[in-house]
Amino acid sequence: MTLTISELESQRAELLRQFLALGDFRPGSVTTIFRRCGKKTCHCAQPGGEGHPQVRLHRKAGGKSVAESFPTPAAAHLAIEQVNEFHRFQELVSQLTAVNEQICRLRSPQTAPSAWTPEEKKRLLRFIKRPRGKSRRSSA
């Protein structure tokens, strides 16, 4: 079923309203690992002991992977909510892009000028004639 431009524009407006409702968010993924504390009398040192849960946020920073631990369960829960909100943001971006692509395909080309203006032609020709970078041959 093909939607009209006005229906797609109303979908886009609704998506933009949802962007305004986003809360705090940050990228990454949250994992839980179990670690042993090293105390001989602790339950984690017993045979079959599970260990102490440690929640971490993994993300990229400056091209490197970074892991962040949280001091309290409340801080971990807050980070989980923020990561979930980031995933919601990514989904909204994807939906908005899809709606905008449909709108662009349906827009009538009659609204645009039918011929290039002399200034546009001149700019286009300059762009076409411009060298595309240095040659790949090594200068010895």
C-alpha atoms as a PDB file:
ATOM      1  CA  MET A   1       0.000   0.000   0.000  1.00  0.00           C
ATOM      2  CA  THR A   2       1.451   3.330  -1.092  1.00  0.00           C
ATOM      3  CA  LEU A   3       0.998   6.217   1.283  1.00  0.00           C
ATOM      4  CA  THR A   4       0.482   9.797   0.171  1.00  0.00           C
ATOM      5  CA  ILE A   5       2.996  12.532   0.850  1.00  0.00           C
ATOM      6  CA  SER A   6       0.711  14.126   3.439  1.00  0.00           C
ATOM      7  CA  GLU A   7       0.379  10.800   5.318  1.00  0.00           C
ATOM      8  CA  LEU A   8       4.144  10.326   5.235  1.00  0.00           C
ATOM      9  CA  GLU A   9       4.700  13.888   6.448  1.00  0.00           C
ATOM     10  CA  SER A  10       2.357  13.278   9.381  1.00  0.00           C
ATOM     11  CA  GLN A  11       4.322  10.093  10.193  1.00  0.00           C
ATOM     12  CA  ARG A  12       7.518  12.131  10.073  1.00  0.00           C
ATOM     13  CA  ALA A  13       6.027  14.759  12.396  1.00  0.00           C
ATOM     14  CA  GLU A  14       5.035  12.032  14.869  1.00  0.00           C
ATOM     15  CA  LEU A  15       8.547  10.564  14.786  1.00  0.00           C
ATOM     16  CA  LEU A  16      10.032  14.002  15.438  1.00  0.00           C
ATOM     17  CA  ARG A  17       7.687  14.401  18.439  1.00  0.00           C
ATOM     18  CA  GLN A  18       9.021  11.089  19.772  1.00  0.00           C
ATOM     19  CA  PHE A  19      12.574  12.468  19.527  1.00  0.00           C
ATOM     20  CA  LEU A  20      11.561  15.262  21.884  1.00  0.00           C
ATOM     21  CA  ALA A  21      10.349  12.700  24.430  1.00  0.00           C
ATOM     22  CA  LEU A  22      13.712  10.897  24.599  1.00  0.00           C
ATOM     23  CA  GLY A  23      15.452  10.907  27.948  1.00  0.00           C
ATOM     24  CA  ASP A  24      19.133  10.677  28.755  1.00  0.00           C
ATOM     25  CA  PHE A  25      20.930   8.114  26.641  1.00  0.00           C
ATOM     26  CA  ARG A  26      24.389   6.802  25.942  1.00  0.00           C
ATOM     27  CA  PRO A  27      25.812   4.183  23.585  1.00  0.00           C
ATOM     28  CA  GLY A  28      27.205   0.849  24.612  1.00  0.00           C
ATOM     29  CA  SER A  29      26.102  -2.498  25.941  1.00  0.00           C
ATOM     30  CA  VAL A  30      25.673  -3.644  29.514  1.00  0.00           C
ATOM     31  CA  THR A  31      26.957  -7.036  30.655  1.00  0.00           C
ATOM     32  CA  THR A  32      27.128  -8.841  33.978  1.00  0.00           C
ATOM     33  CA  ILE A  33      30.091 -10.972  34.943  1.00  0.00           C
ATOM     34  CA  PHE A  34      30.662 -12.929  38.125  1.00  0.00           C
ATOM     35  CA  ARG A  35      33.978 -12.506  39.935  1.00  0.00           C
ATOM     36  CA  ARG A  36      35.529 -14.056  42.980  1.00  0.00           C
ATOM     37  CA  CYS A  37      36.647 -11.621  45.657  1.00  0.00           C
ATOM     38  CA  GLY A  38      39.605 -13.709  46.935  1.00  0.00           C
ATOM     39  CA  LYS A  39      38.467 -14.027  50.571  1.00  0.00           C
ATOM     40  CA  LYS A  40      38.722 -17.618  51.748  1.00  0.00           C
ATOM     41  CA  THR A  41      35.615 -17.397  53.942  1.00  0.00           C
ATOM     42  CA  CYS A  42      33.359 -15.792  51.308  1.00  0.00           C
ATOM     43  CA  HIS A  43      30.575 -17.780  49.645  1.00  0.00           C
ATOM     44  CA  CYS A  44      32.218 -17.253  46.255  1.00  0.00           C
ATOM     45  CA  ALA A  45      35.295 -19.241  47.340  1.00  0.00           C
ATOM     46  CA  GLN A  46      33.212 -22.340  48.136  1.00  0.00           C
ATOM     47  CA  PRO A  47      33.119 -25.121  45.551  1.00  0.00           C
ATOM     48  CA  GLY A  48      30.375 -24.285  43.069  1.00  0.00           C
ATOM     49  CA  GLY A  49      30.227 -20.702  44.368  1.00  0.00           C
ATOM     50  CA  GLU A  50      28.828 -18.359  41.769  1.00  0.00           C
ATOM     51  CA  GLY A  51      30.818 -15.262  42.588  1.00  0.00           C
ATOM     52  CA  HIS A  52      29.825 -11.625  42.977  1.00  0.00           C
ATOM     53  CA  PRO A  53      27.954  -9.989  40.091  1.00  0.00           C
ATOM     54  CA  GLN A  54      29.702  -7.048  38.491  1.00  0.00           C
ATOM     55  CA  VAL A  55      27.782  -4.956  35.960  1.00  0.00           C
ATOM     56  CA  ARG A  56      29.818  -3.222  33.250  1.00  0.00           C
ATOM     57  CA  LEU A  57      29.087  -0.835  30.425  1.00  0.00           C
ATOM     58  CA  HIS A  58      31.143  -1.534  27.291  1.00  0.00           C
ATOM     59  CA  ARG A  59      31.524   1.209  24.674  1.00  0.00           C
ATOM     60  CA  LYS A  60      33.949   2.639  22.129  1.00  0.00           C
ATOM     61  CA  ALA A  61      35.868   5.810  22.982  1.00  0.00           C
ATOM     62  CA  GLY A  62      38.530   7.198  20.695  1.00  0.00           C
ATOM     63  CA  GLY A  63      38.590   4.001  18.652  1.00  0.00           C
ATOM     64  CA  LYS A  64      39.241   1.820  21.689  1.00  0.00           C
ATOM     65  CA  SER A  65      36.962  -0.395  23.756  1.00  0.00           C
ATOM     66  CA  VAL A  66      36.285   0.931  27.228  1.00  0.00           C
ATOM     67  CA  ALA A  67      34.578  -0.896  30.112  1.00  0.00           C
ATOM     68  CA  GLU A  68      33.008   1.027  32.968  1.00  0.00           C
ATOM     69  CA  SER A  69      32.009  -0.603  36.272  1.00  0.00           C
ATOM     70  CA  PHE A  70      29.331   0.779  38.568  1.00  0.00           C
ATOM     71  CA  PRO A  71      29.716   1.298  42.308  1.00  0.00           C
ATOM     72  CA  THR A  72      26.060   0.691  43.200  1.00  0.00           C
ATOM     73  CA  PRO A  73      23.118  -1.262  41.794  1.00  0.00           C
ATOM     74  CA  ALA A  74      21.260   2.034  41.329  1.00  0.00           C
ATOM     75  CA  ALA A  75      24.031   3.340  39.061  1.00  0.00           C
ATOM     76  CA  ALA A  76      23.941   0.095  37.064  1.00  0.00           C
ATOM     77  CA  HIS A  77      20.160   0.293  36.634  1.00  0.00           C
ATOM     78  CA  LEU A  78      20.460   3.905  35.472  1.00  0.00           C
ATOM     79  CA  ALA A  79      23.086   2.896  32.891  1.00  0.00           C
ATOM     80  CA  ILE A  80      20.845   0.085  31.632  1.00  0.00           C
ATOM     81  CA  GLU A  81      17.972   2.561  31.172  1.00  0.00           C
ATOM     82  CA  GLN A  82      20.266   4.987  29.332  1.00  0.00           C
ATOM     83  CA  VAL A  83      21.541   2.274  26.971  1.00  0.00           C
ATOM     84  CA  ASN A  84      17.947   1.158  26.287  1.00  0.00           C
ATOM     85  CA  GLU A  85      17.027   4.760  25.519  1.00  0.00           C
ATOM     86  CA  PHE A  86      19.971   4.944  23.084  1.00  0.00           C
ATOM     87  CA  HIS A  87      18.641   1.858  21.282  1.00  0.00           C
ATOM     88  CA  ARG A  88      15.245   3.571  21.091  1.00  0.00           C
ATOM     89  CA  PHE A  89      16.983   6.635  19.593  1.00  0.00           C
ATOM     90  CA  GLN A  90      18.678   4.453  16.960  1.00  0.00           C
ATOM     91  CA  GLU A  91      15.336   2.859  16.039  1.00  0.00           C
ATOM     92  CA  LEU A  92      13.708   6.295  15.677  1.00  0.00           C
ATOM     93  CA  VAL A  93      16.565   7.436  13.405  1.00  0.00           C
ATOM     94  CA  SER A  94      16.052   4.351  11.249  1.00  0.00           C
ATOM     95  CA  GLN A  95      12.298   4.920  10.990  1.00  0.00           C
ATOM     96  CA  LEU A  96      12.735   8.632  10.238  1.00  0.00           C
ATOM     97  CA  THR A  97      15.242   7.848   7.490  1.00  0.00           C
ATOM     98  CA  ALA A  98      12.859   5.332   5.893  1.00  0.00           C
ATOM     99  CA  VAL A  99       9.946   7.804   5.931  1.00  0.00           C
ATOM    100  CA  ASN A 100      12.110  10.598   4.498  1.00  0.00           C
ATOM    101  CA  GLU A 101      13.329   8.318   1.692  1.00  0.00           C
ATOM    102  CA  GLN A 102       9.712   7.558   0.763  1.00  0.00           C
ATOM    103  CA  ILE A 103       8.849  11.263   0.788  1.00  0.00           C
ATOM    104  CA  CYS A 104      11.835  12.065  -1.440  1.00  0.00           C
ATOM    105  CA  ARG A 105      10.800   9.370  -3.949  1.00  0.00           C
ATOM    106  CA  LEU A 106       7.226  10.678  -4.092  1.00  0.00           C
ATOM    107  CA  ARG A 107       8.070  14.369  -4.451  1.00  0.00           C
ATOM    108  CA  SER A 108       7.187  15.602  -7.876  1.00  0.00           C
ATOM    109  CA  PRO A 109      10.169  16.613 -10.022  1.00  0.00           C
ATOM    110  CA  GLN A 110       8.004  19.416 -11.481  1.00  0.00           C
ATOM    111  CA  THR A 111       8.619  21.460  -8.333  1.00  0.00           C
ATOM    112  CA  ALA A 112      12.313  21.684  -9.216  1.00  0.00           C
ATOM    113  CA  PRO A 113      13.604  23.796 -12.120  1.00  0.00           C
ATOM    114  CA  SER A 114      13.630  21.790 -15.335  1.00  0.00           C
ATOM    115  CA  ALA A 115      16.960  23.094 -16.658  1.00  0.00           C
ATOM    116  CA  TRP A 116      20.334  23.928 -15.146  1.00  0.00           C
ATOM    117  CA  THR A 117      20.967  27.617 -14.573  1.00  0.00           C
ATOM    118  CA  PRO A 118      24.163  29.007 -16.133  1.00  0.00           C
ATOM    119  CA  GLU A 119      25.746  29.284 -12.662  1.00  0.00           C
ATOM    120  CA  GLU A 120      24.907  25.660 -11.862  1.00  0.00           C
ATOM    121  CA  LYS A 121      26.352  24.479 -15.179  1.00  0.00           C
ATOM    122  CA  LYS A 122      29.571  26.407 -14.548  1.00  0.00           C
ATOM    123  CA  ARG A 123      29.904  24.974 -11.024  1.00  0.00           C
ATOM    124  CA  LEU A 124      29.162  21.454 -12.257  1.00  0.00           C
ATOM    125  CA  LEU A 125      31.709  21.644 -15.059  1.00  0.00           C
ATOM    126  CA  ARG A 126      34.368  22.903 -12.644  1.00  0.00           C
ATOM    127  CA  PHE A 127      33.637  19.964 -10.374  1.00  0.00           C
ATOM    128  CA  ILE A 128      33.826  17.438 -13.224  1.00  0.00           C
ATOM    129  CA  LYS A 129      37.141  18.806 -14.560  1.00  0.00           C
ATOM    130  CA  ARG A 130      38.795  18.910 -11.114  1.00  0.00           C
ATOM    131  CA  PRO A 131      41.505  16.261 -10.639  1.00  0.00           C
ATOM    132  CA  ARG A 132      40.431  13.472  -8.312  1.00  0.00           C
ATOM    133  CA  GLY A 133      43.505  13.515  -6.072  1.00  0.00           C
ATOM    134  CA  LYS A 134      47.129  12.562  -6.472  1.00  0.00           C
ATOM    135  CA  SER A 135      48.058   9.772  -8.813  1.00  0.00           C
ATOM    136  CA  ARG A 136      48.658   6.403  -7.222  1.00  0.00           C
ATOM    137  CA  ARG A 137      52.154   6.102  -8.668  1.00  0.00           C
ATOM    138  CA  SER A 138      54.913   6.506  -6.146  1.00  0.00           C
ATOM    139  CA  SER A 139      57.292   9.365  -6.788  1.00  0.00           C
ATOM    140  CA  ALA A 140      60.815   8.019  -6.667  1.00  0.00           C
END
